[in-house]
Amino acid sequence: MHRPKKNPIALTIAGSDSGGGAGVQADLKTFAALGVHGTSAITCITAQNPKRVTGIQPIRADMVRRQIEAVFAELRPAAVKTGMLFSTEIIRVVADFFERGKRPPIVVDPVMVATSGAVLLKPAAIQVLKERLLPLATLVTPNLDEAEILVGRKLRTLDDLRDAAREIHERFGCAALVKGGHLRTLDAAVDVFFDSRELTVLRARRVRGVSTHGTGCTYSAAIAALLALGHPLPHAVELAKRHVTRAISHSRKAGRHWVLNNFSR
C-alpha cells in the first residue's frame, strides 16, 4: 500500500500584499519552493504594488488569534514566522498564544517600514514587540533600519552590524540576523548572524539593477521553512541566504517590475 509522503508545515503570521511580491504571498511561494506546506494567519490587508503602499486595513486581533488556533488545531506547524503585525493588539494576541505551552521555532521579521517609506508598525507597537514577542523568538531578522530602531543608534560599518547582533541577543535572548543589504559602504550584501555560540558573517555579491521588493519576507520565510525541514538554525540561515540570493539573481519581469524568482534552481 502506498503511503503518501508527509510534508512539513510552516505558518506565516503576516500581512497580505496585493502586488504579490511581499508579505504572505511571498512567504507562501517561498514555503512551496522549499517543499514545505504553507499555512497563514493574515494580520492586515494592504493595497500595494512594487512602488508604494496606498492603504492598510488591520484584521481584528481576535480574528488573527482564531486563524492561528485553527491552523494549530489540525496542521500543527514545525516552524513559524511573523512579518507585518502592525498594531499593539495583534502583537499581544500573537505573544499570548505562543506564551502558552510548547512552541515551535519562531522567526520574527520585525517589519516596521516598507522600502517605499510607508510605516508598517505603529510606534507604540515597537515597545510591545520588544517586551513581549522578541523574548519568545528563536531568531529576529532586522534589516539595517529596523536594527537601528532596536539598538537605538546608527549602524554604518560591518563592526557596527556585529555589535548590533550581539546586543540584540543580549537584550532579548534570541539569536539575531542583522541584514546589511542597505549598507552601501560595503560592496557585497553582508549579513551578521549571532546565536551566543558563533558569530557568522554571510556575504553575497550584490545584484545590480534589480529591485529587491519582498527580499526580507522571502529570507525569513526561507529560514522558517528550513527549520521546519529539520535544519539547525545556523545552517538554516546559511541555506536561506543562498536561496534569497538565487531568487534575486534569477528575478523576472512581471509587467514593468522585477519580481523574485523563488523557483529557480
C-alpha atoms as a PDB file:
ATOM      1  CA  MET A   1       0.000   0.000   0.000  1.00  0.00           C
ATOM      2  CA  HIS A   2       1.304   3.440  -0.995  1.00  0.00           C
ATOM      3  CA  ARG A   3       1.926   5.727   1.954  1.00  0.00           C
ATOM      4  CA  PRO A   4       1.838   9.399   0.937  1.00  0.00           C
ATOM      5  CA  LYS A   5       4.915  11.386   1.891  1.00  0.00           C
ATOM      6  CA  LYS A   6       4.360  13.855   4.737  1.00  0.00           C
ATOM      7  CA  ASN A   7       5.132  17.500   4.123  1.00  0.00           C
ATOM      8  CA  PRO A   8       6.483  19.579   6.979  1.00  0.00           C
ATOM      9  CA  ILE A   9       4.215  22.527   7.807  1.00  0.00           C
ATOM     10  CA  ALA A  10       5.184  26.159   8.352  1.00  0.00           C
ATOM     11  CA  LEU A  11       2.970  29.073   9.404  1.00  0.00           C
ATOM     12  CA  THR A  12       3.311  32.714   8.393  1.00  0.00           C
ATOM     13  CA  ILE A  13       1.609  35.383  10.503  1.00  0.00           C
ATOM     14  CA  ALA A  14       1.819  38.458   8.303  1.00  0.00           C
ATOM     15  CA  GLY A  15       0.089  40.986   6.078  1.00  0.00           C
ATOM     16  CA  SER A  16      -1.289  40.418   2.593  1.00  0.00           C
ATOM     17  CA  ASP A  17       0.422  42.208  -0.335  1.00  0.00           C
ATOM     18  CA  SER A  18      -1.980  42.812  -3.222  1.00  0.00           C
ATOM     19  CA  GLY A  19       1.024  43.136  -5.559  1.00  0.00           C
ATOM     20  CA  GLY A  20       2.141  39.597  -4.704  1.00  0.00           C
ATOM     21  CA  GLY A  21       5.783  40.495  -4.106  1.00  0.00           C
ATOM     22  CA  ALA A  22       6.000  40.595  -0.315  1.00  0.00           C
ATOM     23  CA  GLY A  23       4.035  39.591   2.772  1.00  0.00           C
ATOM     24  CA  VAL A  24       2.014  36.394   2.969  1.00  0.00           C
ATOM     25  CA  GLN A  25       2.166  35.915  -0.805  1.00  0.00           C
ATOM     26  CA  ALA A  26       5.988  35.927  -0.778  1.00  0.00           C
ATOM     27  CA  ASP A  27       6.061  33.650   2.270  1.00  0.00           C
ATOM     28  CA  LEU A  28       3.773  31.014   0.755  1.00  0.00           C
ATOM     29  CA  LYS A  29       5.767  30.994  -2.509  1.00  0.00           C
ATOM     30  CA  THR A  30       8.968  30.529  -0.509  1.00  0.00           C
ATOM     31  CA  PHE A  31       7.490  27.674   1.552  1.00  0.00           C
ATOM     32  CA  ALA A  32       6.303  25.952  -1.632  1.00  0.00           C
ATOM     33  CA  ALA A  33       9.674  26.384  -3.358  1.00  0.00           C
ATOM     34  CA  LEU A  34      11.401  24.676  -0.421  1.00  0.00           C
ATOM     35  CA  GLY A  35       8.940  21.767  -0.231  1.00  0.00           C
ATOM     36  CA  VAL A  36       7.034  22.884   2.861  1.00  0.00           C
ATOM     37  CA  HIS A  37       3.241  23.122   3.221  1.00  0.00           C
ATOM     38  CA  GLY A  38       2.417  26.771   3.932  1.00  0.00           C
ATOM     39  CA  THR A  39      -0.337  27.939   6.273  1.00  0.00           C
ATOM     40  CA  SER A  40      -1.173  31.545   7.108  1.00  0.00           C
ATOM     41  CA  ALA A  41      -2.769  33.918   9.587  1.00  0.00           C
ATOM     42  CA  ILE A  42      -3.345  37.269   7.890  1.00  0.00           C
ATOM     43  CA  THR A  43      -2.851  40.325  10.109  1.00  0.00           C
ATOM     44  CA  CYS A  44      -3.571  43.144   7.653  1.00  0.00           C
ATOM     45  CA  ILE A  45      -4.836  43.648   4.144  1.00  0.00           C
ATOM     46  CA  THR A  46      -2.688  46.146   2.264  1.00  0.00           C
ATOM     47  CA  ALA A  47      -3.339  47.920  -1.009  1.00  0.00           C
ATOM     48  CA  GLN A  48       0.133  47.944  -2.508  1.00  0.00           C
ATOM     49  CA  ASN A  49       2.242  47.370  -5.586  1.00  0.00           C
ATOM     50  CA  PRO A  50       6.023  47.314  -6.078  1.00  0.00           C
ATOM     51  CA  LYS A  51       6.144  51.149  -5.929  1.00  0.00           C
ATOM     52  CA  ARG A  52       4.018  52.061  -2.912  1.00  0.00           C
ATOM     53  CA  VAL A  53       1.564  51.119  -0.160  1.00  0.00           C
ATOM     54  CA  THR A  54      -1.692  53.073  -0.650  1.00  0.00           C
ATOM     55  CA  GLY A  55      -3.778  51.579   2.167  1.00  0.00           C
ATOM     56  CA  ILE A  56      -3.657  49.329   5.245  1.00  0.00           C
ATOM     57  CA  GLN A  57      -6.656  47.636   6.856  1.00  0.00           C
ATOM     58  CA  PRO A  58      -5.760  45.649  10.002  1.00  0.00           C
ATOM     59  CA  ILE A  59      -7.676  42.442  10.751  1.00  0.00           C
ATOM     60  CA  ARG A  60      -9.383  42.343  14.170  1.00  0.00           C
ATOM     61  CA  ALA A  61      -6.983  40.890  16.755  1.00  0.00           C
ATOM     62  CA  ASP A  62      -9.435  38.170  17.813  1.00  0.00           C
ATOM     63  CA  MET A  63      -9.682  37.021  14.168  1.00  0.00           C
ATOM     64  CA  VAL A  64      -5.893  36.810  13.949  1.00  0.00           C
ATOM     65  CA  ARG A  65      -5.954  34.613  17.057  1.00  0.00           C
ATOM     66  CA  ARG A  66      -8.669  32.387  15.593  1.00  0.00           C
ATOM     67  CA  GLN A  67      -6.653  31.860  12.397  1.00  0.00           C
ATOM     68  CA  ILE A  68      -3.622  30.757  14.442  1.00  0.00           C
ATOM     69  CA  GLU A  69      -5.760  28.463  16.610  1.00  0.00           C
ATOM     70  CA  ALA A  70      -7.403  26.902  13.527  1.00  0.00           C
ATOM     71  CA  VAL A  71      -4.006  26.119  11.985  1.00  0.00           C
ATOM     72  CA  PHE A  72      -2.589  24.643  15.189  1.00  0.00           C
ATOM     73  CA  ALA A  73      -5.716  22.516  15.758  1.00  0.00           C
ATOM     74  CA  GLU A  74      -5.254  20.453  12.565  1.00  0.00           C
ATOM     75  CA  LEU A  75      -1.996  21.460  10.852  1.00  0.00           C
ATOM     76  CA  ARG A  76       0.499  21.943  13.664  1.00  0.00           C
ATOM     77  CA  PRO A  77       3.455  23.884  12.203  1.00  0.00           C
ATOM     78  CA  ALA A  78       7.034  22.743  12.693  1.00  0.00           C
ATOM     79  CA  ALA A  79       8.122  26.385  12.439  1.00  0.00           C
ATOM     80  CA  VAL A  80       6.507  29.834  12.422  1.00  0.00           C
ATOM     81  CA  LYS A  81       7.467  33.211  11.028  1.00  0.00           C
ATOM     82  CA  THR A  82       5.938  36.579  11.767  1.00  0.00           C
ATOM     83  CA  GLY A  83       6.007  39.517   9.382  1.00  0.00           C
ATOM     84  CA  MET A  84       3.876  42.654   9.430  1.00  0.00           C
ATOM     85  CA  LEU A  85       1.986  42.699  12.743  1.00  0.00           C
ATOM     86  CA  PHE A  86       1.130  46.429  12.647  1.00  0.00           C
ATOM     87  CA  SER A  87      -0.596  47.023  15.983  1.00  0.00           C
ATOM     88  CA  THR A  88      -0.142  46.552  19.719  1.00  0.00           C
ATOM     89  CA  GLU A  89      -3.341  44.455  19.868  1.00  0.00           C
ATOM     90  CA  ILE A  90      -2.164  41.999  17.193  1.00  0.00           C
ATOM     91  CA  ILE A  91       1.294  41.606  18.755  1.00  0.00           C
ATOM     92  CA  ARG A  92      -0.280  40.912  22.159  1.00  0.00           C
ATOM     93  CA  VAL A  93      -2.581  38.234  20.699  1.00  0.00           C
ATOM     94  CA  VAL A  94       0.367  36.510  18.971  1.00  0.00           C
ATOM     95  CA  ALA A  95       2.527  36.686  22.119  1.00  0.00           C
ATOM     96  CA  ASP A  96      -0.329  35.420  24.308  1.00  0.00           C
ATOM     97  CA  PHE A  97      -0.761  32.384  22.064  1.00  0.00           C
ATOM     98  CA  PHE A  98       2.916  31.430  21.995  1.00  0.00           C
ATOM     99  CA  GLU A  99       3.492  32.008  25.714  1.00  0.00           C
ATOM    100  CA  ARG A 100       1.196  29.064  26.417  1.00  0.00           C
ATOM    101  CA  GLY A 101       2.830  25.647  26.352  1.00  0.00           C
ATOM    102  CA  LYS A 102       5.334  24.230  23.910  1.00  0.00           C
ATOM    103  CA  ARG A 103       6.048  26.361  20.868  1.00  0.00           C
ATOM    104  CA  PRO A 104       7.833  25.632  17.585  1.00  0.00           C
ATOM    105  CA  PRO A 105      10.797  27.749  16.470  1.00  0.00           C
ATOM    106  CA  ILE A 106       9.635  31.318  15.747  1.00  0.00           C
ATOM    107  CA  VAL A 107      11.394  33.599  13.248  1.00  0.00           C
ATOM    108  CA  VAL A 108      10.421  37.239  13.814  1.00  0.00           C
ATOM    109  CA  ASP A 109      10.867  39.557  10.845  1.00  0.00           C
ATOM    110  CA  PRO A 110      10.270  42.873  12.683  1.00  0.00           C
ATOM    111  CA  VAL A 111       8.589  44.620   9.746  1.00  0.00           C
ATOM    112  CA  MET A 112       8.493  48.310  10.640  1.00  0.00           C
ATOM    113  CA  VAL A 113       8.910  50.395   7.474  1.00  0.00           C
ATOM    114  CA  ALA A 114       8.320  49.485   3.820  1.00  0.00           C
ATOM    115  CA  THR A 115      11.058  50.108   1.237  1.00  0.00           C
ATOM    116  CA  SER A 116       8.754  52.875  -0.070  1.00  0.00           C
ATOM    117  CA  GLY A 117       8.785  54.537   3.376  1.00  0.00           C
ATOM    118  CA  ALA A 118       5.266  53.507   4.499  1.00  0.00           C
ATOM    119  CA  VAL A 119       5.043  52.836   8.260  1.00  0.00           C
ATOM    120  CA  LEU A 120       4.082  49.172   8.761  1.00  0.00           C
ATOM    121  CA  LEU A 121       4.350  49.027  12.560  1.00  0.00           C
ATOM    122  CA  LYS A 122       2.740  51.656  14.764  1.00  0.00           C
ATOM    123  CA  PRO A 123       5.317  53.395  17.022  1.00  0.00           C
ATOM    124  CA  ALA A 124       3.569  52.259  20.230  1.00  0.00           C
ATOM    125  CA  ALA A 125       3.700  48.673  18.973  1.00  0.00           C
ATOM    126  CA  ILE A 126       7.517  48.667  18.726  1.00  0.00           C
ATOM    127  CA  GLN A 127       7.818  48.596  22.531  1.00  0.00           C
ATOM    128  CA  VAL A 128       5.347  45.710  22.807  1.00  0.00           C
ATOM    129  CA  LEU A 129       7.266  43.810  20.099  1.00  0.00           C
ATOM    130  CA  LYS A 130      10.451  44.231  22.173  1.00  0.00           C
ATOM    131  CA  GLU A 131       8.861  43.330  25.513  1.00  0.00           C
ATOM    132  CA  ARG A 132       6.510  40.511  24.500  1.00  0.00           C
ATOM    133  CA  LEU A 133       7.487  38.898  21.186  1.00  0.00           C
ATOM    134  CA  LEU A 134      11.268  39.042  20.846  1.00  0.00           C
ATOM    135  CA  PRO A 135      11.842  37.119  24.114  1.00  0.00           C
ATOM    136  CA  LEU A 136       9.747  34.271  22.584  1.00  0.00           C
ATOM    137  CA  ALA A 137      11.629  34.290  19.274  1.00  0.00           C
ATOM    138  CA  THR A 138      14.217  31.794  18.108  1.00  0.00           C
ATOM    139  CA  LEU A 139      15.587  34.387  15.675  1.00  0.00           C
ATOM    140  CA  VAL A 140      14.921  38.022  14.787  1.00  0.00           C
ATOM    141  CA  THR A 141      15.870  39.245  11.284  1.00  0.00           C
ATOM    142  CA  PRO A 142      16.030  43.075  11.241  1.00  0.00           C
ATOM    143  CA  ASN A 143      17.233  44.991   8.211  1.00  0.00           C
ATOM    144  CA  LEU A 144      19.509  47.994   8.737  1.00  0.00           C
ATOM    145  CA  ASP A 145      16.717  50.480   9.592  1.00  0.00           C
ATOM    146  CA  GLU A 146      14.985  48.017  11.942  1.00  0.00           C
ATOM    147  CA  ALA A 147      18.247  47.092  13.686  1.00  0.00           C
ATOM    148  CA  GLU A 148      18.923  50.801  14.272  1.00  0.00           C
ATOM    149  CA  ILE A 149      15.499  51.115  15.933  1.00  0.00           C
ATOM    150  CA  LEU A 150      16.142  48.027  18.098  1.00  0.00           C
ATOM    151  CA  VAL A 151      19.553  49.223  19.350  1.00  0.00           C
ATOM    152  CA  GLY A 152      18.823  52.957  19.272  1.00  0.00           C
ATOM    153  CA  ARG A 153      21.753  54.153  17.152  1.00  0.00           C
ATOM    154  CA  LYS A 154      23.033  54.441  13.581  1.00  0.00           C
ATOM    155  CA  LEU A 155      24.867  51.469  12.064  1.00  0.00           C
ATOM    156  CA  ARG A 156      27.448  52.409   9.447  1.00  0.00           C
ATOM    157  CA  THR A 157      30.077  49.662   9.300  1.00  0.00           C
ATOM    158  CA  LEU A 158      30.427  45.886   9.416  1.00  0.00           C
ATOM    159  CA  ASP A 159      31.710  46.186  13.001  1.00  0.00           C
ATOM    160  CA  ASP A 160      28.515  48.101  13.852  1.00  0.00           C
ATOM    161  CA  LEU A 161      26.461  45.178  12.486  1.00  0.00           C
ATOM    162  CA  ARG A 162      28.474  42.718  14.594  1.00  0.00           C
ATOM    163  CA  ASP A 163      27.945  44.810  17.731  1.00  0.00           C
ATOM    164  CA  ALA A 164      24.225  45.170  16.986  1.00  0.00           C
ATOM    165  CA  ALA A 165      23.762  41.395  16.541  1.00  0.00           C
ATOM    166  CA  ARG A 166      25.446  40.747  19.894  1.00  0.00           C
ATOM    167  CA  GLU A 167      23.454  43.495  21.626  1.00  0.00           C
ATOM    168  CA  ILE A 168      20.099  42.288  20.256  1.00  0.00           C
ATOM    169  CA  HIS A 169      20.862  38.779  21.516  1.00  0.00           C
ATOM    170  CA  GLU A 170      21.907  40.107  24.902  1.00  0.00           C
ATOM    171  CA  ARG A 171      18.815  42.328  25.277  1.00  0.00           C
ATOM    172  CA  PHE A 172      16.119  39.977  24.039  1.00  0.00           C
ATOM    173  CA  GLY A 173      17.584  36.477  24.403  1.00  0.00           C
ATOM    174  CA  CYS A 174      17.005  35.409  20.786  1.00  0.00           C
ATOM    175  CA  ALA A 175      19.505  34.829  18.003  1.00  0.00           C
ATOM    176  CA  ALA A 176      19.902  37.790  15.638  1.00  0.00           C
ATOM    177  CA  LEU A 177      20.430  38.066  11.900  1.00  0.00           C
ATOM    178  CA  VAL A 178      21.244  41.709  11.171  1.00  0.00           C
ATOM    179  CA  LYS A 179      20.896  42.288   7.440  1.00  0.00           C
ATOM    180  CA  GLY A 180      23.289  44.803   5.911  1.00  0.00           C
ATOM    181  CA  GLY A 181      21.924  44.817   2.374  1.00  0.00           C
ATOM    182  CA  HIS A 182      21.082  48.537   2.658  1.00  0.00           C
ATOM    183  CA  LEU A 183      24.600  49.390   3.870  1.00  0.00           C
ATOM    184  CA  ARG A 184      26.013  50.960   0.717  1.00  0.00           C
ATOM    185  CA  THR A 185      29.516  51.381   2.183  1.00  0.00           C
ATOM    186  CA  LEU A 186      30.022  47.622   1.602  1.00  0.00           C
ATOM    187  CA  ASP A 187      30.471  46.237  -1.910  1.00  0.00           C
ATOM    188  CA  ALA A 188      28.727  42.940  -1.007  1.00  0.00           C
ATOM    189  CA  ALA A 189      25.350  42.161   0.566  1.00  0.00           C
ATOM    190  CA  VAL A 190      26.563  41.295   4.074  1.00  0.00           C
ATOM    191  CA  ASP A 191      24.526  39.912   6.992  1.00  0.00           C
ATOM    192  CA  VAL A 192      25.704  39.099  10.517  1.00  0.00           C
ATOM    193  CA  PHE A 193      24.305  36.123  12.459  1.00  0.00           C
ATOM    194  CA  PHE A 194      24.855  35.669  16.206  1.00  0.00           C
ATOM    195  CA  ASP A 195      23.330  32.995  18.442  1.00  0.00           C
ATOM    196  CA  SER A 196      25.539  33.254  21.576  1.00  0.00           C
ATOM    197  CA  ARG A 197      27.849  30.480  20.344  1.00  0.00           C
ATOM    198  CA  GLU A 198      29.033  31.735  16.991  1.00  0.00           C
ATOM    199  CA  LEU A 199      29.150  34.985  15.069  1.00  0.00           C
ATOM    200  CA  THR A 200      28.955  34.395  11.318  1.00  0.00           C
ATOM    201  CA  VAL A 201      29.311  36.932   8.521  1.00  0.00           C
ATOM    202  CA  LEU A 202      27.328  35.900   5.427  1.00  0.00           C
ATOM    203  CA  ARG A 203      28.296  37.513   2.142  1.00  0.00           C
ATOM    204  CA  ALA A 204      26.763  37.509  -1.319  1.00  0.00           C
ATOM    205  CA  ARG A 205      27.544  39.615  -4.362  1.00  0.00           C
ATOM    206  CA  ARG A 206      25.165  42.488  -4.989  1.00  0.00           C
ATOM    207  CA  VAL A 207      22.828  42.034  -7.954  1.00  0.00           C
ATOM    208  CA  ARG A 208      22.769  45.403  -9.727  1.00  0.00           C
ATOM    209  CA  GLY A 209      19.724  46.902 -11.405  1.00  0.00           C
ATOM    210  CA  VAL A 210      17.134  44.631  -9.742  1.00  0.00           C
ATOM    211  CA  SER A 211      14.563  45.922  -7.249  1.00  0.00           C
ATOM    212  CA  THR A 212      14.523  43.919  -4.013  1.00  0.00           C
ATOM    213  CA  HIS A 213      10.849  44.230  -3.003  1.00  0.00           C
ATOM    214  CA  GLY A 214       9.987  41.244  -0.796  1.00  0.00           C
ATOM    215  CA  THR A 215      13.511  40.021  -0.072  1.00  0.00           C
ATOM    216  CA  GLY A 216      13.159  40.392   3.720  1.00  0.00           C
ATOM    217  CA  CYS A 217       9.926  38.382   3.718  1.00  0.00           C
ATOM    218  CA  THR A 218      11.443  35.735   1.454  1.00  0.00           C
ATOM    219  CA  TYR A 219      14.617  35.461   3.569  1.00  0.00           C
ATOM    220  CA  SER A 220      12.785  34.997   6.887  1.00  0.00           C
ATOM    221  CA  ALA A 221      10.240  32.618   5.294  1.00  0.00           C
ATOM    222  CA  ALA A 222      13.097  30.536   3.877  1.00  0.00           C
ATOM    223  CA  ILE A 223      14.673  30.274   7.345  1.00  0.00           C
ATOM    224  CA  ALA A 224      11.326  29.154   8.827  1.00  0.00           C
ATOM    225  CA  ALA A 225      10.848  26.591   6.027  1.00  0.00           C
ATOM    226  CA  LEU A 226      14.348  25.174   6.545  1.00  0.00           C
ATOM    227  CA  LEU A 227      13.777  24.950  10.304  1.00  0.00           C
ATOM    228  CA  ALA A 228      10.535  23.060   9.559  1.00  0.00           C
ATOM    229  CA  LEU A 229      12.607  20.680   7.413  1.00  0.00           C
ATOM    230  CA  GLY A 230      14.817  19.969  10.435  1.00  0.00           C
ATOM    231  CA  HIS A 231      17.931  22.047   9.725  1.00  0.00           C
ATOM    232  CA  PRO A 232      19.727  23.536  12.755  1.00  0.00           C
ATOM    233  CA  LEU A 233      19.385  27.326  12.947  1.00  0.00           C
ATOM    234  CA  PRO A 234      22.898  28.355  11.754  1.00  0.00           C
ATOM    235  CA  HIS A 235      22.628  26.040   8.724  1.00  0.00           C
ATOM    236  CA  ALA A 236      19.062  27.190   8.007  1.00  0.00           C
ATOM    237  CA  VAL A 237      20.292  30.805   7.924  1.00  0.00           C
ATOM    238  CA  GLU A 238      23.152  29.952   5.529  1.00  0.00           C
ATOM    239  CA  LEU A 239      20.881  27.989   3.176  1.00  0.00           C
ATOM    240  CA  ALA A 240      18.252  30.758   3.288  1.00  0.00           C
ATOM    241  CA  LYS A 241      20.888  33.356   2.340  1.00  0.00           C
ATOM    242  CA  ARG A 242      21.753  31.231  -0.698  1.00  0.00           C
ATOM    243  CA  HIS A 243      18.067  30.825  -1.564  1.00  0.00           C
ATOM    244  CA  VAL A 244      17.268  34.557  -1.451  1.00  0.00           C
ATOM    245  CA  THR A 245      20.454  35.451  -3.377  1.00  0.00           C
ATOM    246  CA  ARG A 246      19.464  32.985  -6.106  1.00  0.00           C
ATOM    247  CA  ALA A 247      15.884  34.323  -6.129  1.00  0.00           C
ATOM    248  CA  ILE A 248      17.234  37.864  -6.662  1.00  0.00           C
ATOM    249  CA  SER A 249      19.802  36.936  -9.305  1.00  0.00           C
ATOM    250  CA  HIS A 250      17.174  34.949 -11.284  1.00  0.00           C
ATOM    251  CA  SER A 251      14.493  37.658 -10.942  1.00  0.00           C
ATOM    252  CA  ARG A 252      12.000  38.036 -13.761  1.00  0.00           C
ATOM    253  CA  LYS A 253       9.837  40.887 -15.029  1.00  0.00           C
ATOM    254  CA  ALA A 254       6.122  40.976 -14.166  1.00  0.00           C
ATOM    255  CA  GLY A 255       4.656  43.936 -16.028  1.00  0.00           C
ATOM    256  CA  ARG A 256       7.268  46.684 -15.652  1.00  0.00           C
ATOM    257  CA  HIS A 257       8.635  45.410 -12.337  1.00  0.00           C
ATOM    258  CA  TRP A 258      11.219  42.873 -11.216  1.00  0.00           C
ATOM    259  CA  VAL A 259       9.876  40.026  -9.080  1.00  0.00           C
ATOM    260  CA  LEU A 260      11.894  37.485  -7.130  1.00  0.00           C
ATOM    261  CA  ASN A 261      12.101  34.014  -8.650  1.00  0.00           C
ATOM    262  CA  ASN A 262      11.711  31.592  -5.727  1.00  0.00           C
ATOM    263  CA  PHE A 263      11.582  28.593  -8.028  1.00  0.00           C
ATOM    264  CA  SER A 264      14.924  28.988  -9.830  1.00  0.00           C
ATOM    265  CA  ARG A 265      17.302  26.079  -9.440  1.00  0.00           C
END
